N, C-alpha and C. Protein backbone atom coordinates (compact mmCIF):
# COMPACT_ATOMS: atom_id res chain seq x y z
N UNK A 1 1.11 -43.59 27.60
CA UNK A 1 0.11 -42.67 27.02
C UNK A 1 -0.77 -43.50 26.06
N UNK A 2 -2.07 -43.29 26.17
CA UNK A 2 -2.99 -44.10 25.37
C UNK A 2 -3.02 -43.61 23.94
N UNK A 3 -3.58 -44.49 23.11
CA UNK A 3 -3.64 -44.10 21.67
C UNK A 3 -4.52 -42.89 21.39
N UNK A 4 -5.62 -42.81 22.16
CA UNK A 4 -6.55 -41.64 21.99
C UNK A 4 -5.82 -40.36 22.37
N UNK A 5 -5.05 -40.38 23.41
CA UNK A 5 -4.26 -39.17 23.83
C UNK A 5 -3.20 -38.82 22.73
N UNK A 6 -2.63 -39.80 22.20
CA UNK A 6 -1.57 -39.58 21.12
C UNK A 6 -2.25 -38.94 19.89
N UNK A 7 -3.41 -39.49 19.53
CA UNK A 7 -4.17 -38.93 18.39
C UNK A 7 -4.60 -37.47 18.66
N UNK A 8 -5.06 -37.18 19.90
CA UNK A 8 -5.49 -35.82 20.19
C UNK A 8 -4.27 -34.91 20.21
N UNK A 9 -3.13 -35.35 20.67
CA UNK A 9 -1.86 -34.54 20.67
C UNK A 9 -1.48 -34.27 19.21
N UNK A 10 -1.56 -35.32 18.41
CA UNK A 10 -1.17 -35.19 16.95
C UNK A 10 -2.13 -34.18 16.26
N UNK A 11 -3.35 -34.26 16.50
CA UNK A 11 -4.32 -33.33 15.91
C UNK A 11 -4.08 -31.94 16.35
N UNK A 12 -3.83 -31.80 17.67
CA UNK A 12 -3.54 -30.46 18.18
C UNK A 12 -2.32 -29.89 17.55
N UNK A 13 -1.24 -30.64 17.44
CA UNK A 13 -0.08 -30.23 16.81
C UNK A 13 -0.26 -29.86 15.38
N UNK A 14 -1.06 -30.73 14.61
CA UNK A 14 -1.33 -30.48 13.24
C UNK A 14 -2.11 -29.16 13.04
N UNK A 15 -3.06 -28.89 13.99
CA UNK A 15 -3.85 -27.69 13.89
C UNK A 15 -2.95 -26.43 14.09
N UNK A 16 -2.01 -26.54 15.05
CA UNK A 16 -1.11 -25.43 15.32
C UNK A 16 -0.25 -25.14 14.06
N UNK A 17 0.24 -26.16 13.42
CA UNK A 17 1.14 -26.09 12.27
C UNK A 17 0.30 -25.51 11.10
N UNK A 18 -0.90 -26.00 10.96
CA UNK A 18 -1.74 -25.48 9.90
C UNK A 18 -2.00 -24.02 10.14
N UNK A 19 -2.35 -23.62 11.30
CA UNK A 19 -2.62 -22.20 11.59
C UNK A 19 -1.40 -21.31 11.30
N UNK A 20 -0.25 -21.76 11.76
CA UNK A 20 0.98 -21.00 11.47
C UNK A 20 1.26 -20.90 9.96
N UNK A 21 1.10 -21.98 9.25
CA UNK A 21 1.34 -21.93 7.78
C UNK A 21 0.35 -21.00 7.10
N UNK A 22 -0.94 -21.13 7.48
CA UNK A 22 -1.91 -20.31 6.94
C UNK A 22 -1.68 -18.84 7.26
N UNK A 23 -1.29 -18.55 8.47
CA UNK A 23 -1.00 -17.14 8.80
C UNK A 23 0.16 -16.58 7.99
N UNK A 24 1.28 -17.31 7.83
CA UNK A 24 2.37 -16.79 7.05
C UNK A 24 2.03 -16.74 5.58
N UNK A 25 1.31 -17.61 5.07
CA UNK A 25 0.92 -17.56 3.63
C UNK A 25 0.04 -16.34 3.44
N UNK A 26 -0.89 -16.02 4.39
CA UNK A 26 -1.68 -14.82 4.23
C UNK A 26 -0.86 -13.59 4.30
N UNK A 27 0.10 -13.51 5.21
CA UNK A 27 0.98 -12.38 5.27
C UNK A 27 1.81 -12.22 4.04
N UNK A 28 2.31 -13.30 3.52
CA UNK A 28 3.06 -13.31 2.30
C UNK A 28 2.21 -12.80 1.07
N UNK A 29 1.05 -13.33 1.04
CA UNK A 29 0.10 -12.90 0.03
C UNK A 29 -0.23 -11.37 0.10
N UNK A 30 -0.42 -10.90 1.32
CA UNK A 30 -0.67 -9.52 1.49
C UNK A 30 0.50 -8.68 1.13
N UNK A 31 1.68 -9.08 1.51
CA UNK A 31 2.89 -8.35 1.24
C UNK A 31 3.19 -8.26 -0.29
N UNK A 32 2.86 -9.29 -1.02
CA UNK A 32 3.16 -9.36 -2.44
C UNK A 32 2.06 -8.79 -3.27
N UNK A 33 0.79 -9.19 -3.03
CA UNK A 33 -0.34 -8.86 -3.80
C UNK A 33 -0.83 -7.42 -3.62
N UNK A 34 -1.00 -7.00 -2.38
CA UNK A 34 -1.56 -5.69 -2.13
C UNK A 34 -0.71 -4.54 -2.71
N UNK A 35 0.61 -4.47 -2.50
CA UNK A 35 1.33 -3.38 -3.11
C UNK A 35 1.32 -3.52 -4.61
N UNK A 36 1.31 -4.73 -5.24
CA UNK A 36 1.23 -4.82 -6.65
C UNK A 36 -0.08 -4.27 -7.13
N UNK A 37 -1.17 -4.59 -6.44
CA UNK A 37 -2.48 -4.19 -6.80
C UNK A 37 -2.63 -2.61 -6.72
N UNK A 38 -2.08 -2.07 -5.62
CA UNK A 38 -2.24 -0.63 -5.46
C UNK A 38 -1.26 0.15 -6.37
N UNK A 39 -0.07 -0.36 -6.54
CA UNK A 39 0.99 0.40 -7.20
C UNK A 39 1.10 0.03 -8.74
N UNK A 40 0.37 -1.02 -9.19
CA UNK A 40 0.55 -1.35 -10.56
C UNK A 40 -0.13 -0.19 -11.40
N UNK A 41 0.68 0.47 -12.23
CA UNK A 41 0.15 1.51 -12.95
C UNK A 41 -0.66 1.12 -14.15
N UNK A 42 -1.67 1.86 -14.43
CA UNK A 42 -2.39 1.67 -15.68
C UNK A 42 -1.55 2.36 -16.80
N UNK A 43 -1.71 2.00 -18.01
CA UNK A 43 -0.91 2.58 -19.04
C UNK A 43 -1.03 4.10 -19.02
N UNK A 44 0.10 4.79 -19.07
CA UNK A 44 0.08 6.26 -18.97
C UNK A 44 0.60 6.81 -20.35
N UNK A 45 -0.18 7.72 -20.84
CA UNK A 45 0.21 8.36 -22.12
C UNK A 45 0.95 9.59 -21.85
N UNK A 46 2.14 9.73 -22.44
CA UNK A 46 2.94 10.93 -22.30
C UNK A 46 2.44 11.96 -23.31
N UNK A 47 2.06 13.09 -22.84
CA UNK A 47 1.62 14.17 -23.72
C UNK A 47 2.66 15.28 -23.77
N UNK A 48 2.71 15.95 -24.91
CA UNK A 48 3.59 17.12 -25.00
C UNK A 48 2.81 18.31 -24.49
N UNK A 49 3.44 19.38 -24.21
CA UNK A 49 2.79 20.58 -23.62
C UNK A 49 1.70 21.09 -24.52
N UNK A 50 1.99 21.15 -25.84
CA UNK A 50 0.92 21.62 -26.82
C UNK A 50 -0.22 20.67 -26.95
N UNK A 51 0.07 19.38 -26.93
CA UNK A 51 -1.08 18.42 -26.98
C UNK A 51 -1.95 18.49 -25.71
N UNK A 52 -1.22 18.72 -24.56
CA UNK A 52 -2.05 18.90 -23.38
C UNK A 52 -2.97 20.06 -23.34
N UNK A 53 -2.48 21.19 -23.96
CA UNK A 53 -3.31 22.39 -24.04
C UNK A 53 -4.48 22.14 -24.99
N UNK A 54 -4.17 21.46 -26.11
CA UNK A 54 -5.25 21.05 -27.04
C UNK A 54 -6.35 20.24 -26.40
N UNK A 55 -5.90 19.25 -25.54
CA UNK A 55 -6.81 18.36 -24.88
C UNK A 55 -7.70 19.15 -23.93
N UNK A 56 -7.09 20.12 -23.27
CA UNK A 56 -7.94 21.03 -22.38
C UNK A 56 -8.96 21.78 -23.15
N UNK A 57 -8.55 22.36 -24.31
CA UNK A 57 -9.43 23.11 -25.13
C UNK A 57 -10.53 22.28 -25.71
N UNK A 58 -10.37 21.06 -25.98
CA UNK A 58 -11.34 20.17 -26.51
C UNK A 58 -12.30 19.72 -25.34
N UNK A 59 -11.94 19.94 -24.13
CA UNK A 59 -12.75 19.49 -23.01
C UNK A 59 -12.52 18.02 -22.70
N UNK A 60 -11.39 17.50 -23.08
CA UNK A 60 -11.10 16.06 -22.98
C UNK A 60 -10.37 15.68 -21.68
N UNK A 61 -10.10 16.66 -20.85
CA UNK A 61 -9.40 16.39 -19.56
C UNK A 61 -10.45 16.24 -18.47
N UNK A 62 -10.54 14.99 -17.89
CA UNK A 62 -11.51 14.76 -16.85
C UNK A 62 -11.00 15.31 -15.53
N UNK A 63 -9.79 15.07 -15.12
CA UNK A 63 -9.18 15.63 -13.88
C UNK A 63 -7.70 15.76 -14.06
N UNK A 64 -7.09 16.53 -13.14
CA UNK A 64 -5.68 16.75 -13.22
C UNK A 64 -5.13 16.84 -11.78
N UNK A 65 -3.97 16.27 -11.64
CA UNK A 65 -3.17 16.41 -10.35
C UNK A 65 -1.90 17.12 -10.75
N UNK A 66 -1.66 18.22 -10.15
CA UNK A 66 -0.47 19.03 -10.43
C UNK A 66 0.51 18.80 -9.32
N UNK A 67 1.76 18.47 -9.69
CA UNK A 67 2.84 18.25 -8.72
C UNK A 67 3.91 19.37 -9.05
N UNK A 68 4.13 20.20 -8.12
CA UNK A 68 5.02 21.32 -8.30
C UNK A 68 6.37 21.01 -7.68
N UNK A 69 7.41 21.06 -8.43
CA UNK A 69 8.76 20.93 -7.91
C UNK A 69 9.49 22.21 -8.28
N UNK A 70 10.81 22.26 -7.96
CA UNK A 70 11.58 23.52 -8.17
C UNK A 70 11.74 23.82 -9.67
N UNK A 71 11.92 22.81 -10.49
CA UNK A 71 12.25 23.06 -11.88
C UNK A 71 11.09 22.82 -12.84
N UNK A 72 10.17 22.00 -12.55
CA UNK A 72 9.10 21.58 -13.43
C UNK A 72 7.74 21.54 -12.72
N UNK A 73 6.75 21.41 -13.58
CA UNK A 73 5.46 21.24 -13.17
C UNK A 73 5.01 19.93 -13.77
N UNK A 74 4.60 18.95 -13.01
CA UNK A 74 4.14 17.65 -13.52
C UNK A 74 2.66 17.56 -13.41
N UNK A 75 1.96 17.20 -14.50
CA UNK A 75 0.50 17.12 -14.44
C UNK A 75 0.15 15.63 -14.83
N UNK A 76 -0.52 14.96 -13.93
CA UNK A 76 -1.14 13.63 -14.16
C UNK A 76 -2.59 13.78 -14.16
N UNK A 77 -3.25 12.96 -14.95
CA UNK A 77 -4.68 12.99 -14.92
C UNK A 77 -5.31 11.96 -15.83
N UNK A 78 -6.61 12.18 -16.16
CA UNK A 78 -7.27 11.21 -16.98
C UNK A 78 -8.08 11.92 -18.06
N UNK A 79 -8.05 11.39 -19.20
CA UNK A 79 -8.80 11.91 -20.36
C UNK A 79 -10.25 11.39 -20.34
N UNK A 80 -11.13 12.13 -20.96
CA UNK A 80 -12.54 11.76 -20.99
C UNK A 80 -12.87 10.81 -22.03
N UNK A 81 -12.56 11.10 -23.35
CA UNK A 81 -13.04 10.35 -24.46
C UNK A 81 -12.44 8.92 -24.46
N UNK A 82 -11.20 8.84 -24.28
CA UNK A 82 -10.49 7.54 -24.12
C UNK A 82 -10.05 7.50 -22.66
N UNK A 83 -10.76 6.77 -21.84
CA UNK A 83 -10.39 6.78 -20.39
C UNK A 83 -8.98 6.23 -20.10
N UNK A 84 -7.99 7.03 -20.35
CA UNK A 84 -6.65 6.63 -20.11
C UNK A 84 -5.98 7.73 -19.35
N UNK A 85 -4.94 7.26 -18.65
CA UNK A 85 -4.19 8.21 -17.86
C UNK A 85 -3.16 8.99 -18.73
N UNK A 86 -2.80 10.17 -18.32
CA UNK A 86 -1.79 10.97 -19.09
C UNK A 86 -0.82 11.59 -18.08
N UNK A 87 0.31 11.96 -18.64
CA UNK A 87 1.42 12.63 -17.84
C UNK A 87 1.99 13.69 -18.80
N UNK A 88 2.25 14.84 -18.26
CA UNK A 88 2.89 15.83 -18.99
C UNK A 88 3.84 16.65 -18.06
N UNK A 89 5.04 17.00 -18.64
CA UNK A 89 6.03 17.83 -18.00
C UNK A 89 5.90 19.22 -18.45
N UNK A 90 5.85 20.26 -17.66
CA UNK A 90 5.70 21.64 -18.04
C UNK A 90 6.74 22.51 -17.32
N UNK A 91 7.41 23.39 -18.03
CA UNK A 91 8.35 24.32 -17.34
C UNK A 91 7.58 25.09 -16.24
N UNK A 92 8.26 25.35 -15.11
CA UNK A 92 7.66 26.09 -14.07
C UNK A 92 7.22 27.50 -14.48
N UNK A 93 7.82 28.03 -15.41
CA UNK A 93 7.47 29.38 -15.88
C UNK A 93 6.09 29.43 -16.49
N UNK A 94 5.56 28.33 -17.01
CA UNK A 94 4.22 28.29 -17.59
C UNK A 94 3.17 27.76 -16.65
N UNK A 95 3.52 27.68 -15.37
CA UNK A 95 2.53 27.10 -14.38
C UNK A 95 1.31 27.94 -14.26
N UNK A 96 1.44 29.26 -14.25
CA UNK A 96 0.26 30.15 -14.09
C UNK A 96 -0.65 30.00 -15.30
N UNK A 97 -0.11 29.96 -16.46
CA UNK A 97 -0.91 29.80 -17.70
C UNK A 97 -1.62 28.45 -17.68
N UNK A 98 -0.99 27.39 -17.28
CA UNK A 98 -1.64 26.05 -17.30
C UNK A 98 -2.75 26.00 -16.25
N UNK A 99 -2.48 26.53 -15.04
CA UNK A 99 -3.51 26.51 -14.04
C UNK A 99 -4.76 27.35 -14.40
N UNK A 100 -4.48 28.48 -15.01
CA UNK A 100 -5.67 29.29 -15.47
C UNK A 100 -6.43 28.62 -16.59
N UNK A 101 -5.67 27.91 -17.46
CA UNK A 101 -6.29 27.16 -18.57
C UNK A 101 -7.23 26.07 -17.99
N UNK A 102 -6.72 25.32 -17.02
CA UNK A 102 -7.48 24.28 -16.35
C UNK A 102 -8.67 24.76 -15.63
N UNK A 103 -8.55 25.87 -14.94
CA UNK A 103 -9.71 26.49 -14.21
C UNK A 103 -10.69 26.98 -15.18
N UNK A 104 -10.28 27.58 -16.27
CA UNK A 104 -11.24 28.16 -17.26
C UNK A 104 -12.07 27.05 -17.91
N UNK A 105 -11.40 25.90 -18.10
CA UNK A 105 -12.05 24.76 -18.70
C UNK A 105 -12.96 23.98 -17.69
N UNK A 106 -12.80 24.34 -16.41
CA UNK A 106 -13.59 23.67 -15.40
C UNK A 106 -13.10 22.31 -15.01
N UNK A 107 -11.81 22.02 -15.23
CA UNK A 107 -11.24 20.76 -14.91
C UNK A 107 -10.95 20.74 -13.40
N UNK A 108 -11.50 19.70 -12.70
CA UNK A 108 -11.12 19.58 -11.29
C UNK A 108 -9.68 19.23 -11.12
N UNK A 109 -8.97 20.12 -10.29
CA UNK A 109 -7.52 19.92 -10.12
C UNK A 109 -7.18 19.78 -8.67
N UNK A 110 -6.12 18.94 -8.44
CA UNK A 110 -5.55 18.88 -7.12
C UNK A 110 -4.09 19.29 -7.32
N UNK A 111 -3.55 19.95 -6.31
CA UNK A 111 -2.14 20.28 -6.39
C UNK A 111 -1.41 19.94 -5.15
N UNK A 112 -0.10 19.60 -5.38
CA UNK A 112 0.72 19.30 -4.19
C UNK A 112 2.16 19.62 -4.58
N UNK A 113 3.03 19.67 -3.53
CA UNK A 113 4.41 19.90 -3.72
C UNK A 113 5.18 18.55 -3.75
N UNK A 114 6.20 18.51 -4.50
CA UNK A 114 7.08 17.41 -4.48
C UNK A 114 7.92 17.33 -3.22
N UNK A 115 7.93 16.19 -2.50
CA UNK A 115 8.65 16.11 -1.26
C UNK A 115 10.04 15.55 -1.58
N UNK A 116 11.12 16.37 -1.37
CA UNK A 116 12.45 15.92 -1.67
C UNK A 116 12.83 14.70 -0.69
N UNK A 117 13.61 13.72 -1.28
CA UNK A 117 13.96 12.53 -0.52
C UNK A 117 14.73 12.82 0.71
N UNK A 118 15.47 13.91 0.74
CA UNK A 118 16.33 14.19 1.93
C UNK A 118 15.63 14.87 3.05
N UNK A 119 14.31 15.06 2.84
CA UNK A 119 13.59 15.91 3.86
C UNK A 119 12.94 14.99 4.95
N UNK A 120 12.63 15.60 6.06
CA UNK A 120 11.94 14.87 7.16
C UNK A 120 10.63 14.39 6.79
N UNK A 121 9.88 15.23 5.99
CA UNK A 121 8.52 14.88 5.52
C UNK A 121 8.54 13.58 4.69
N UNK A 122 9.56 13.36 3.88
CA UNK A 122 9.64 12.17 3.07
C UNK A 122 9.73 10.89 4.01
N UNK A 123 10.70 10.94 4.94
CA UNK A 123 10.89 9.86 5.85
C UNK A 123 9.68 9.61 6.79
N UNK A 124 9.01 10.69 7.13
CA UNK A 124 7.82 10.56 8.00
C UNK A 124 6.70 9.90 7.22
N UNK A 125 6.53 10.21 5.92
CA UNK A 125 5.47 9.64 5.17
C UNK A 125 5.74 8.13 4.85
N UNK A 126 7.05 7.89 4.64
CA UNK A 126 7.46 6.48 4.40
C UNK A 126 7.27 5.62 5.68
N UNK A 127 7.58 6.28 6.81
CA UNK A 127 7.39 5.55 8.13
C UNK A 127 5.88 5.29 8.42
N UNK A 128 5.06 6.25 8.06
CA UNK A 128 3.63 6.00 8.22
C UNK A 128 3.10 4.91 7.30
N UNK A 129 3.68 4.72 6.17
CA UNK A 129 3.25 3.66 5.31
C UNK A 129 3.68 2.26 5.81
N UNK A 130 4.74 2.22 6.55
CA UNK A 130 5.24 0.96 7.07
C UNK A 130 4.60 0.61 8.47
N UNK A 131 4.11 1.65 9.14
CA UNK A 131 3.60 1.45 10.43
C UNK A 131 2.60 0.33 10.57
N UNK A 132 1.59 0.22 9.68
CA UNK A 132 0.57 -0.85 9.86
C UNK A 132 1.24 -2.23 9.81
N UNK A 133 2.23 -2.47 8.99
CA UNK A 133 2.94 -3.80 8.95
C UNK A 133 3.68 -4.01 10.21
N UNK A 134 4.31 -3.01 10.83
CA UNK A 134 5.00 -3.18 12.10
C UNK A 134 3.97 -3.53 13.20
N UNK A 135 2.85 -2.85 13.17
CA UNK A 135 1.81 -3.09 14.18
C UNK A 135 1.33 -4.55 14.07
N UNK A 136 1.10 -4.99 12.91
CA UNK A 136 0.60 -6.44 12.73
C UNK A 136 1.63 -7.35 13.17
N UNK A 137 2.89 -7.11 12.90
CA UNK A 137 4.01 -8.02 13.29
C UNK A 137 4.08 -8.07 14.86
N UNK A 138 4.01 -6.84 15.48
CA UNK A 138 4.16 -6.83 16.95
C UNK A 138 2.96 -7.57 17.57
N UNK A 139 1.74 -7.35 17.09
CA UNK A 139 0.60 -8.08 17.62
C UNK A 139 0.72 -9.60 17.43
N UNK A 140 1.21 -10.02 16.31
CA UNK A 140 1.46 -11.40 16.06
C UNK A 140 2.45 -11.93 17.02
N UNK A 141 3.53 -11.25 17.26
CA UNK A 141 4.62 -11.73 18.18
C UNK A 141 4.12 -11.79 19.61
N UNK A 142 3.34 -10.91 20.09
CA UNK A 142 2.75 -10.89 21.43
C UNK A 142 1.80 -12.08 21.54
N UNK A 143 0.91 -12.28 20.54
CA UNK A 143 -0.06 -13.31 20.63
C UNK A 143 0.64 -14.72 20.59
N UNK A 144 1.67 -14.81 19.74
CA UNK A 144 2.40 -16.07 19.69
C UNK A 144 3.12 -16.44 20.99
N UNK A 145 3.78 -15.39 21.55
CA UNK A 145 4.42 -15.60 22.90
C UNK A 145 3.40 -15.96 23.94
N UNK A 146 2.22 -15.32 23.98
CA UNK A 146 1.19 -15.74 24.90
C UNK A 146 0.80 -17.20 24.71
N UNK A 147 0.59 -17.55 23.41
CA UNK A 147 0.14 -18.87 23.13
C UNK A 147 1.16 -19.95 23.47
N UNK A 148 2.39 -19.63 23.28
CA UNK A 148 3.52 -20.56 23.65
C UNK A 148 3.53 -20.73 25.23
N UNK A 149 3.29 -19.64 25.95
CA UNK A 149 3.30 -19.77 27.39
C UNK A 149 2.12 -20.60 27.83
N UNK A 150 0.95 -20.40 27.22
CA UNK A 150 -0.15 -21.20 27.48
C UNK A 150 -0.03 -22.64 27.21
N UNK A 151 0.73 -22.99 26.12
CA UNK A 151 0.90 -24.37 25.76
C UNK A 151 1.94 -24.95 26.76
N UNK A 152 2.98 -24.15 27.20
CA UNK A 152 3.91 -24.70 28.13
C UNK A 152 3.21 -25.04 29.53
N UNK A 153 2.32 -24.19 29.90
CA UNK A 153 1.65 -24.37 31.18
C UNK A 153 0.76 -25.67 31.02
N UNK A 154 0.14 -25.82 29.86
CA UNK A 154 -0.71 -27.03 29.68
C UNK A 154 0.16 -28.29 29.69
N UNK A 155 1.33 -28.25 29.01
CA UNK A 155 2.17 -29.44 28.97
C UNK A 155 2.71 -29.76 30.44
N UNK A 156 3.05 -28.66 31.17
CA UNK A 156 3.51 -28.89 32.56
C UNK A 156 2.38 -29.61 33.41
N UNK A 157 1.17 -29.13 33.23
CA UNK A 157 0.09 -29.74 33.89
C UNK A 157 -0.09 -31.22 33.55
N UNK A 158 -0.04 -31.51 32.21
CA UNK A 158 -0.12 -32.87 31.75
C UNK A 158 0.97 -33.76 32.35
N UNK A 159 2.19 -33.21 32.36
CA UNK A 159 3.28 -33.99 32.89
C UNK A 159 3.15 -34.20 34.41
N UNK A 160 2.61 -33.25 35.15
CA UNK A 160 2.32 -33.40 36.57
C UNK A 160 1.27 -34.50 36.75
N UNK A 161 0.22 -34.45 35.99
CA UNK A 161 -0.87 -35.41 36.09
C UNK A 161 -0.37 -36.83 35.74
N UNK A 162 0.54 -36.86 34.74
CA UNK A 162 1.06 -38.18 34.40
C UNK A 162 1.92 -38.80 35.42
N UNK A 163 2.60 -37.92 36.26
CA UNK A 163 3.56 -38.43 37.29
C UNK A 163 2.77 -38.80 38.56
N UNK A 164 1.64 -38.21 38.71
CA UNK A 164 0.87 -38.40 39.97
C UNK A 164 0.10 -39.62 39.97
């Protein structure tokens, strides 16, 4: 085998290794950084029920997300004057009063139900969150397998040409 051929083979192998390392570093970066970026909470101020009602009366509540569970009502949102997040726990019995207070003050609200961990909805939502990662992995596996076959065919051709 000539020196030029050896250099070309070395460069080809180095490029493949570089691409594989770059791919895995990118995947690792995505797996570590993206969830941290999305899930890293901003500082949350815990409010008492009475403080929360006072903030609504002052018009200091920008928005509210109400999460209803069996025993409590959780309200997350953002304050206007000091743009910080807040969280407050409210007994379920006061839910109607809080909702009417929020509506009367003109606070945009979103509401949802708490999904229990033992329910099918919980596992379905978790599965949907994982699905893109599985899709990327399967695509990578298929492409890698195709590339390996292509390389094997090329090597076989080279070996036939070398013996001929």
